[in-house]
């Protein structure tokens, strides 16, 4: 069975480098995974109007899709989510 749910994150970022936002989104996708075969997709990134000139605020909407019949290994740490499983396991 396929389960899907959405996660909404509000993020404050400094204006300027688009690459910083892209890196943050990649990390956010990794952190949302609980199992090895979870699929996390960015549905939307919206910039909110704020008054501060050096920062911007974004809403990032992620969708997590999980096949409960094919979960894969469970992530037991944040490091595993970011860097993958140790090959010795």
Protein backbone atom coordinates (compact mmCIF):
# COMPACT_ATOMS: atom_id res chain seq x y z
CA UNK A 1 0.00 0.00 0.00
CA UNK A 2 1.23 3.49 -0.83
CA UNK A 3 0.95 6.14 1.88
CA UNK A 4 1.33 9.82 1.05
CA UNK A 5 1.45 12.83 3.31
CA UNK A 6 2.56 16.44 3.03
CA UNK A 7 4.91 18.40 5.24
CA UNK A 8 4.98 22.20 5.30
CA UNK A 9 8.12 23.98 6.50
CA UNK A 10 8.52 27.73 6.97
CA UNK A 11 12.12 28.75 6.51
CA UNK A 12 13.99 32.04 6.99
CA UNK A 13 16.91 32.41 4.57
CA UNK A 14 19.24 35.23 3.70
CA UNK A 15 18.76 36.85 0.34
CA UNK A 16 21.39 36.24 -2.25
CA UNK A 17 22.77 32.84 -3.08
CA UNK A 18 20.12 30.57 -4.64
CA UNK A 19 22.49 27.63 -4.16
CA UNK A 20 22.11 27.94 -0.37
CA UNK A 21 18.34 27.49 -0.62
CA UNK A 22 18.78 24.52 -2.96
CA UNK A 23 21.18 22.84 -0.51
CA UNK A 24 18.78 23.42 2.37
CA UNK A 25 15.93 21.86 0.39
CA UNK A 26 18.07 18.78 -0.38
CA UNK A 27 18.78 18.38 3.34
CA UNK A 28 15.13 18.91 4.28
CA UNK A 29 14.12 16.16 1.86
CA UNK A 30 16.64 13.79 3.44
CA UNK A 31 15.46 14.58 6.97
CA UNK A 32 11.84 13.75 6.08
CA UNK A 33 12.72 10.16 5.20
CA UNK A 34 12.15 7.49 7.82
CA UNK A 35 12.82 4.46 5.63
CA UNK A 36 15.35 3.79 2.89
CA UNK A 37 12.75 3.60 0.11
CA UNK A 38 10.74 6.69 1.06
CA UNK A 39 10.36 9.12 -1.81
CA UNK A 40 10.30 12.83 -0.92
CA UNK A 41 9.23 15.36 -3.54
CA UNK A 42 9.14 19.16 -3.42
CA UNK A 43 5.62 20.22 -4.33
CA UNK A 44 6.05 23.96 -3.95
CA UNK A 45 8.38 26.69 -2.75
CA UNK A 46 6.70 30.03 -2.11
CA UNK A 47 8.41 33.19 -0.98
CA UNK A 48 6.44 35.16 1.61
CA UNK A 49 6.57 38.94 1.75
CA UNK A 50 8.51 40.17 4.77
CA UNK A 51 9.82 43.61 5.64
CA UNK A 52 13.46 42.75 6.37
CA UNK A 53 15.66 43.46 3.37
CA UNK A 54 18.43 40.96 4.13
CA UNK A 55 16.18 37.94 4.68
CA UNK A 56 13.36 36.20 2.94
CA UNK A 57 10.85 33.73 4.26
CA UNK A 58 9.79 30.69 2.25
CA UNK A 59 7.17 28.02 2.67
CA UNK A 60 8.37 24.69 1.36
CA UNK A 61 5.79 21.96 0.83
CA UNK A 62 7.14 18.42 0.62
CA UNK A 63 5.31 15.21 -0.18
CA UNK A 64 6.48 11.96 1.38
CA UNK A 65 5.47 8.78 -0.40
CA UNK A 66 5.96 5.43 1.35
CA UNK A 67 5.34 1.94 -0.01
CA UNK A 68 4.43 0.03 3.15
CA UNK A 69 5.12 -3.27 1.36
CA UNK A 70 8.67 -2.21 0.47
CA UNK A 71 10.01 0.04 3.25
CA UNK A 72 13.69 -0.82 3.11
CA UNK A 73 15.90 -0.24 6.13
CA UNK A 74 14.86 2.23 8.81
CA UNK A 75 17.07 5.26 9.34
CA UNK A 76 18.32 5.26 12.92
CA UNK A 77 20.25 8.55 12.81
CA UNK A 78 20.33 11.88 11.02
CA UNK A 79 23.75 10.95 9.59
CA UNK A 80 22.26 7.91 7.87
CA UNK A 81 19.58 10.11 6.35
CA UNK A 82 22.16 12.52 4.94
CA UNK A 83 25.01 10.20 4.02
CA UNK A 84 23.38 6.81 3.60
CA UNK A 85 23.94 3.52 5.37
CA UNK A 86 27.35 2.22 6.34
CA UNK A 87 28.27 -0.46 3.79
CA UNK A 88 29.21 -2.86 6.60
CA UNK A 89 25.54 -3.17 7.60
